């Protein structure tokens, strides 16, 4: 996962805003984090303008991990107005996570069908024809 470069003030302004912010707490030594990184990237594109996606390295920012009570990675927290409204832990299916996020804010783009999963395979068949 790629961490956005936020100053502390900009980070807390975003988390405290009226819009939703989806925080991904991750570690570079965490295999499940590597599994979830492309999911986080795709959902960030899908919900762009509706939910702000921010990756936070627990290695680089242990202060933020402590403040949010992070004890394992990956941990995902959806916030609004400075409050955690939903938490997710570990590896989560992309479709399930998208459905959960849709309960709070609508996606602004269709799902990315270019992946290696079943939908990606189906999409590649249609692109060939």
N, C-alpha and C. Protein backbone atom coordinates (compact mmCIF):
# COMPACT_ATOMS: atom_id res chain seq x y z
N UNK A 1 0.85 -1.17 0.00
CA UNK A 1 0.00 0.00 0.00
C UNK A 1 0.89 1.23 0.00
N UNK A 2 0.42 2.21 -0.66
CA UNK A 2 1.19 3.45 -0.72
C UNK A 2 0.57 4.44 0.26
N UNK A 3 1.37 4.96 1.15
CA UNK A 3 0.89 5.95 2.11
C UNK A 3 0.84 7.32 1.46
N UNK A 4 -0.26 8.01 1.64
CA UNK A 4 -0.35 9.40 1.21
C UNK A 4 0.54 10.22 2.13
N UNK A 5 1.13 11.23 1.59
CA UNK A 5 1.96 12.12 2.39
C UNK A 5 1.07 13.23 2.96
N UNK A 6 0.69 13.07 4.19
CA UNK A 6 -0.13 14.07 4.87
C UNK A 6 0.69 14.66 6.01
N UNK A 7 0.62 15.96 6.18
CA UNK A 7 1.14 16.54 7.41
C UNK A 7 0.16 16.14 8.51
N UNK A 8 0.59 16.23 9.74
CA UNK A 8 -0.31 15.88 10.84
C UNK A 8 -1.59 16.70 10.78
N UNK A 9 -1.47 18.00 10.55
CA UNK A 9 -2.65 18.86 10.50
C UNK A 9 -3.59 18.45 9.37
N UNK A 10 -3.03 18.19 8.18
CA UNK A 10 -3.86 17.80 7.04
C UNK A 10 -4.53 16.45 7.29
N UNK A 11 -3.81 15.53 7.92
CA UNK A 11 -4.38 14.22 8.23
C UNK A 11 -5.58 14.37 9.16
N UNK A 12 -5.40 15.10 10.25
CA UNK A 12 -6.50 15.25 11.22
C UNK A 12 -7.63 16.09 10.66
N UNK A 13 -7.34 17.04 9.79
CA UNK A 13 -8.41 17.79 9.11
C UNK A 13 -9.24 16.84 8.26
N UNK A 14 -8.59 15.93 7.53
CA UNK A 14 -9.31 14.98 6.69
C UNK A 14 -10.14 14.03 7.54
N UNK A 15 -9.53 13.44 8.56
CA UNK A 15 -10.24 12.48 9.42
C UNK A 15 -11.40 13.16 10.14
N UNK A 16 -11.25 14.41 10.50
CA UNK A 16 -12.30 15.13 11.22
C UNK A 16 -13.35 15.76 10.34
N UNK A 17 -13.21 15.63 9.03
CA UNK A 17 -14.13 16.29 8.11
C UNK A 17 -15.49 15.59 8.05
N UNK A 18 -16.44 16.25 7.40
CA UNK A 18 -17.77 15.67 7.20
C UNK A 18 -17.75 14.50 6.23
N UNK A 19 -16.74 14.44 5.37
CA UNK A 19 -16.67 13.33 4.41
C UNK A 19 -16.08 12.09 5.09
N UNK A 20 -16.33 10.95 4.48
CA UNK A 20 -15.79 9.70 5.00
C UNK A 20 -14.33 9.54 4.60
N UNK A 21 -13.55 8.98 5.51
CA UNK A 21 -12.15 8.66 5.25
C UNK A 21 -11.95 7.19 5.58
N UNK A 22 -11.34 6.44 4.66
CA UNK A 22 -11.08 5.02 4.86
C UNK A 22 -9.59 4.85 5.12
N UNK A 23 -9.24 4.54 6.36
CA UNK A 23 -7.85 4.40 6.76
C UNK A 23 -7.43 2.94 6.68
N UNK A 24 -6.29 2.69 6.07
CA UNK A 24 -5.72 1.35 6.02
C UNK A 24 -4.43 1.37 6.82
N UNK A 25 -4.41 0.68 7.95
CA UNK A 25 -3.20 0.56 8.75
C UNK A 25 -2.50 -0.71 8.31
N UNK A 26 -1.24 -0.58 7.88
CA UNK A 26 -0.53 -1.70 7.28
C UNK A 26 0.93 -1.70 7.74
N UNK A 27 1.60 -2.81 7.44
CA UNK A 27 3.02 -2.95 7.72
C UNK A 27 3.69 -3.62 6.53
N UNK A 28 4.90 -3.21 6.22
CA UNK A 28 5.61 -3.79 5.07
C UNK A 28 6.02 -5.25 5.30
N UNK A 29 5.96 -5.74 6.54
CA UNK A 29 6.31 -7.13 6.84
C UNK A 29 5.08 -8.02 6.95
N UNK A 30 3.92 -7.53 6.57
CA UNK A 30 2.64 -8.21 6.77
C UNK A 30 2.15 -8.83 5.46
N UNK A 31 2.20 -10.17 5.30
CA UNK A 31 1.70 -10.79 4.06
C UNK A 31 0.24 -10.46 3.75
N UNK A 32 -0.69 -10.49 4.72
CA UNK A 32 -2.07 -10.12 4.39
C UNK A 32 -2.20 -8.67 3.89
N UNK A 33 -1.31 -7.79 4.34
CA UNK A 33 -1.33 -6.40 3.85
C UNK A 33 -1.01 -6.36 2.37
N UNK A 34 -0.08 -7.22 1.95
CA UNK A 34 0.29 -7.28 0.53
C UNK A 34 -0.86 -7.81 -0.31
N UNK A 35 -1.65 -8.72 0.26
CA UNK A 35 -2.84 -9.24 -0.43
C UNK A 35 -3.87 -8.13 -0.59
N UNK A 36 -4.05 -7.31 0.45
CA UNK A 36 -5.08 -6.28 0.44
C UNK A 36 -4.67 -5.01 -0.30
N UNK A 37 -3.39 -4.80 -0.56
CA UNK A 37 -2.94 -3.56 -1.20
C UNK A 37 -3.63 -3.29 -2.53
N UNK A 38 -3.71 -4.26 -3.46
CA UNK A 38 -4.40 -3.96 -4.72
C UNK A 38 -5.90 -3.74 -4.55
N UNK A 39 -6.50 -4.39 -3.56
CA UNK A 39 -7.92 -4.19 -3.27
C UNK A 39 -8.13 -2.75 -2.81
N UNK A 40 -7.27 -2.29 -1.91
CA UNK A 40 -7.34 -0.92 -1.41
C UNK A 40 -7.20 0.08 -2.56
N UNK A 41 -6.25 -0.18 -3.46
CA UNK A 41 -6.03 0.71 -4.60
C UNK A 41 -7.26 0.75 -5.52
N UNK A 42 -7.81 -0.41 -5.83
CA UNK A 42 -8.99 -0.46 -6.73
C UNK A 42 -10.19 0.22 -6.09
N UNK A 43 -10.43 -0.05 -4.81
CA UNK A 43 -11.57 0.58 -4.15
C UNK A 43 -11.37 2.09 -4.02
N UNK A 44 -10.12 2.52 -3.84
CA UNK A 44 -9.84 3.95 -3.80
C UNK A 44 -10.24 4.63 -5.09
N UNK A 45 -10.00 3.97 -6.21
CA UNK A 45 -10.42 4.51 -7.51
C UNK A 45 -11.94 4.46 -7.65
N UNK A 46 -12.52 3.37 -7.19
CA UNK A 46 -13.97 3.18 -7.34
C UNK A 46 -14.78 4.18 -6.51
N UNK A 47 -14.25 4.56 -5.35
CA UNK A 47 -14.97 5.48 -4.46
C UNK A 47 -14.38 6.89 -4.47
N UNK A 48 -13.51 7.18 -5.45
CA UNK A 48 -12.86 8.50 -5.53
C UNK A 48 -13.93 9.60 -5.54
N UNK A 49 -13.74 10.59 -4.69
CA UNK A 49 -14.68 11.70 -4.61
C UNK A 49 -15.82 11.45 -3.64
N UNK A 50 -15.95 10.21 -3.21
CA UNK A 50 -17.01 9.84 -2.27
C UNK A 50 -16.42 9.49 -0.90
N UNK A 51 -15.29 8.78 -0.92
CA UNK A 51 -14.57 8.40 0.29
C UNK A 51 -13.09 8.66 0.03
N UNK A 52 -12.41 9.30 0.97
CA UNK A 52 -10.97 9.52 0.84
C UNK A 52 -10.24 8.30 1.41
N UNK A 53 -9.34 7.71 0.64
CA UNK A 53 -8.58 6.53 1.06
C UNK A 53 -7.18 6.97 1.48
N UNK A 54 -6.78 6.57 2.70
CA UNK A 54 -5.47 6.95 3.23
C UNK A 54 -4.81 5.72 3.85
N UNK A 55 -3.63 5.37 3.36
CA UNK A 55 -2.85 4.26 3.93
C UNK A 55 -1.90 4.82 4.98
N UNK A 56 -1.83 4.13 6.12
CA UNK A 56 -0.97 4.57 7.21
C UNK A 56 -0.04 3.42 7.58
N UNK A 57 1.25 3.63 7.43
CA UNK A 57 2.24 2.63 7.81
C UNK A 57 2.40 2.64 9.32
N UNK A 58 2.17 1.49 9.95
CA UNK A 58 2.34 1.41 11.41
C UNK A 58 3.81 1.52 11.79
N UNK A 59 4.69 1.22 10.85
CA UNK A 59 6.13 1.35 11.09
C UNK A 59 6.53 2.83 11.11
N UNK A 60 6.03 3.58 10.12
CA UNK A 60 6.37 5.00 10.03
C UNK A 60 5.58 5.87 11.00
N UNK A 61 4.36 5.45 11.32
CA UNK A 61 3.49 6.27 12.17
C UNK A 61 2.92 5.46 13.34
N UNK A 62 3.78 4.98 14.25
CA UNK A 62 3.27 4.23 15.40
C UNK A 62 2.36 5.07 16.29
N UNK A 63 2.54 6.39 16.27
CA UNK A 63 1.69 7.28 17.06
C UNK A 63 0.24 7.21 16.61
N UNK A 64 0.03 7.18 15.28
CA UNK A 64 -1.34 7.09 14.76
C UNK A 64 -1.93 5.71 15.02
N UNK A 65 -1.11 4.67 14.88
CA UNK A 65 -1.59 3.32 15.16
C UNK A 65 -2.04 3.22 16.61
N UNK A 66 -1.27 3.79 17.51
CA UNK A 66 -1.63 3.75 18.93
C UNK A 66 -2.91 4.53 19.18
N UNK A 67 -3.01 5.69 18.58
CA UNK A 67 -4.20 6.53 18.79
C UNK A 67 -5.48 5.85 18.33
N UNK A 68 -5.38 5.04 17.25
CA UNK A 68 -6.56 4.33 16.74
C UNK A 68 -6.69 2.92 17.33
N UNK A 69 -5.82 2.56 18.26
CA UNK A 69 -5.92 1.26 18.92
C UNK A 69 -5.61 0.08 18.01
N UNK A 70 -4.65 0.25 17.11
CA UNK A 70 -4.31 -0.80 16.16
C UNK A 70 -3.41 -1.82 16.84
N UNK A 71 -3.85 -3.08 16.84
CA UNK A 71 -3.04 -4.15 17.44
C UNK A 71 -2.59 -5.18 16.41
N UNK A 72 -3.16 -5.13 15.20
CA UNK A 72 -2.76 -6.06 14.14
C UNK A 72 -2.99 -5.38 12.79
N UNK A 73 -2.29 -5.90 11.79
CA UNK A 73 -2.46 -5.37 10.44
C UNK A 73 -2.79 -6.50 9.48
N UNK A 74 -3.54 -6.21 8.45
CA UNK A 74 -4.13 -4.92 8.15
C UNK A 74 -5.39 -4.66 8.97
N UNK A 75 -5.58 -3.43 9.36
CA UNK A 75 -6.80 -2.97 9.99
C UNK A 75 -7.29 -1.78 9.19
N UNK A 76 -8.58 -1.79 8.88
CA UNK A 76 -9.20 -0.72 8.09
C UNK A 76 -10.25 -0.04 8.95
N UNK A 77 -10.24 1.29 8.94
CA UNK A 77 -11.21 2.04 9.74
C UNK A 77 -11.85 3.10 8.85
N UNK A 78 -13.17 3.08 8.79
CA UNK A 78 -13.93 4.12 8.10
C UNK A 78 -14.28 5.17 9.14
N UNK A 79 -13.88 6.42 8.88
CA UNK A 79 -14.14 7.50 9.83
C UNK A 79 -15.01 8.58 9.21
N UNK A 80 -15.65 9.31 10.08
CA UNK A 80 -16.39 10.52 9.69
C UNK A 80 -16.46 11.42 10.92
N UNK A 81 -16.15 12.67 10.71
CA UNK A 81 -16.14 13.66 11.80
C UNK A 81 -15.28 13.21 12.98
N UNK A 82 -14.15 12.57 12.67
CA UNK A 82 -13.21 12.16 13.70
C UNK A 82 -13.56 10.90 14.45
N UNK A 83 -14.65 10.27 14.11
CA UNK A 83 -15.10 9.06 14.80
C UNK A 83 -15.02 7.85 13.88
N UNK A 84 -14.62 6.73 14.44
CA UNK A 84 -14.63 5.48 13.68
C UNK A 84 -16.07 5.01 13.57
N UNK A 85 -16.55 4.83 12.33
CA UNK A 85 -17.92 4.37 12.14
C UNK A 85 -17.97 2.89 11.77
N UNK A 86 -16.83 2.33 11.33
CA UNK A 86 -16.79 0.91 10.98
C UNK A 86 -15.34 0.46 10.95
N UNK A 87 -15.08 -0.74 11.46
CA UNK A 87 -13.73 -1.34 11.45
C UNK A 87 -13.78 -2.68 10.72
N UNK A 88 -12.68 -2.96 10.03
CA UNK A 88 -12.52 -4.23 9.32
C UNK A 88 -11.11 -4.74 9.63
N UNK A 89 -10.97 -6.05 9.74
CA UNK A 89 -9.68 -6.63 10.10
C UNK A 89 -9.29 -7.73 9.12
N UNK A 90 -8.01 -7.78 8.79
CA UNK A 90 -7.48 -8.88 8.00
C UNK A 90 -7.85 -8.82 6.53
N UNK A 91 -7.80 -9.98 5.89
CA UNK A 91 -8.12 -10.09 4.47
C UNK A 91 -9.63 -10.15 4.30
N UNK A 92 -10.15 -9.29 3.45
CA UNK A 92 -11.59 -9.19 3.20
C UNK A 92 -11.82 -9.24 1.70
N UNK A 93 -12.83 -9.98 1.29
CA UNK A 93 -13.15 -10.02 -0.14
C UNK A 93 -13.49 -8.61 -0.63
N UNK A 94 -13.01 -8.29 -1.80
CA UNK A 94 -13.22 -6.96 -2.37
C UNK A 94 -14.70 -6.62 -2.50
N UNK A 95 -15.49 -7.57 -2.99
CA UNK A 95 -16.92 -7.32 -3.17
C UNK A 95 -17.60 -7.03 -1.83
N UNK A 96 -17.24 -7.77 -0.80
CA UNK A 96 -17.82 -7.56 0.53
C UNK A 96 -17.44 -6.18 1.07
N UNK A 97 -16.20 -5.81 0.91
CA UNK A 97 -15.75 -4.50 1.39
C UNK A 97 -16.44 -3.38 0.62
N UNK A 98 -16.59 -3.54 -0.69
CA UNK A 98 -17.29 -2.54 -1.51
C UNK A 98 -18.74 -2.40 -1.06
N UNK A 99 -19.39 -3.52 -0.78
CA UNK A 99 -20.79 -3.48 -0.31
C UNK A 99 -20.88 -2.74 1.02
N UNK A 100 -19.96 -3.03 1.93
CA UNK A 100 -19.95 -2.36 3.24
C UNK A 100 -19.74 -0.85 3.08
N UNK A 101 -18.78 -0.47 2.25
CA UNK A 101 -18.52 0.96 2.05
C UNK A 101 -19.70 1.65 1.37
N UNK A 102 -20.39 0.94 0.49
CA UNK A 102 -21.55 1.51 -0.20
C UNK A 102 -22.68 1.86 0.76
N UNK A 103 -22.69 1.25 1.93
CA UNK A 103 -23.69 1.59 2.94
C UNK A 103 -23.48 3.00 3.48
N UNK A 104 -22.27 3.53 3.31
CA UNK A 104 -21.95 4.85 3.86
C UNK A 104 -21.81 5.92 2.79
N UNK A 105 -21.36 5.54 1.61
CA UNK A 105 -21.17 6.50 0.52
C UNK A 105 -21.21 5.74 -0.80
N UNK A 106 -21.80 6.33 -1.84
CA UNK A 106 -21.92 5.61 -3.11
C UNK A 106 -20.59 5.56 -3.87
N UNK A 107 -20.35 4.44 -4.59
CA UNK A 107 -19.18 4.41 -5.46
C UNK A 107 -19.36 5.42 -6.59
N UNK A 108 -18.26 5.91 -7.11
CA UNK A 108 -18.32 6.90 -8.19
C UNK A 108 -17.85 6.32 -9.51
N UNK A 109 -17.42 5.06 -9.51
CA UNK A 109 -16.96 4.39 -10.73
C UNK A 109 -17.35 2.92 -10.65
N UNK A 110 -17.48 2.25 -11.78
CA UNK A 110 -17.80 0.82 -11.77
C UNK A 110 -16.62 0.01 -11.25
N UNK A 111 -16.86 -1.24 -10.87
CA UNK A 111 -15.76 -2.10 -10.41
C UNK A 111 -14.71 -2.26 -11.49
N UNK A 112 -13.47 -2.44 -11.08
CA UNK A 112 -12.37 -2.71 -12.01
C UNK A 112 -12.44 -4.19 -12.38
N UNK A 113 -12.73 -4.48 -13.63
CA UNK A 113 -12.87 -5.87 -14.06
C UNK A 113 -11.59 -6.40 -14.69
N UNK A 114 -10.51 -5.70 -14.54
CA UNK A 114 -9.26 -6.13 -15.16
C UNK A 114 -8.42 -7.03 -14.29
N UNK A 115 -8.91 -7.44 -13.14
CA UNK A 115 -8.13 -8.26 -12.22
C UNK A 115 -7.99 -9.70 -12.67
N UNK A 116 -7.36 -10.49 -11.83
CA UNK A 116 -7.11 -11.89 -12.18
C UNK A 116 -8.20 -12.82 -11.65
N UNK A 117 -9.20 -12.28 -10.95
CA UNK A 117 -10.28 -13.10 -10.43
C UNK A 117 -11.27 -13.47 -11.52
N UNK A 118 -12.37 -14.06 -11.13
CA UNK A 118 -13.40 -14.51 -12.07
C UNK A 118 -13.92 -13.37 -12.93
N UNK A 119 -14.21 -12.22 -12.32
CA UNK A 119 -14.71 -11.09 -13.11
C UNK A 119 -13.68 -10.62 -14.12
N UNK A 120 -12.42 -10.63 -13.74
CA UNK A 120 -11.37 -10.25 -14.68
C UNK A 120 -11.28 -11.21 -15.85
N UNK A 121 -11.44 -12.50 -15.58
CA UNK A 121 -11.40 -13.50 -16.66
C UNK A 121 -12.59 -13.33 -17.60
N UNK A 122 -13.76 -13.08 -17.02
CA UNK A 122 -14.95 -12.87 -17.85
C UNK A 122 -14.77 -11.62 -18.70
N UNK A 123 -14.27 -10.55 -18.09
CA UNK A 123 -14.06 -9.30 -18.84
C UNK A 123 -13.06 -9.51 -19.97
N UNK A 124 -12.01 -10.30 -19.74
CA UNK A 124 -11.02 -10.51 -20.80
C UNK A 124 -11.61 -11.30 -21.96
N UNK A 125 -12.55 -12.20 -21.70
CA UNK A 125 -13.22 -12.94 -22.77
C UNK A 125 -14.01 -11.98 -23.65
N UNK A 126 -14.73 -11.04 -23.02
CA UNK A 126 -15.52 -10.08 -23.79
C UNK A 126 -14.64 -9.11 -24.56
N UNK A 127 -13.49 -8.76 -24.01
CA UNK A 127 -12.58 -7.86 -24.72
C UNK A 127 -12.00 -8.51 -25.97
N UNK A 128 -11.83 -9.83 -25.95
CA UNK A 128 -11.28 -10.54 -27.11
C UNK A 128 -12.28 -10.65 -28.23
N UNK A 129 -13.56 -10.66 -27.90
CA UNK A 129 -14.60 -10.85 -28.93
C UNK A 129 -15.04 -9.56 -29.54
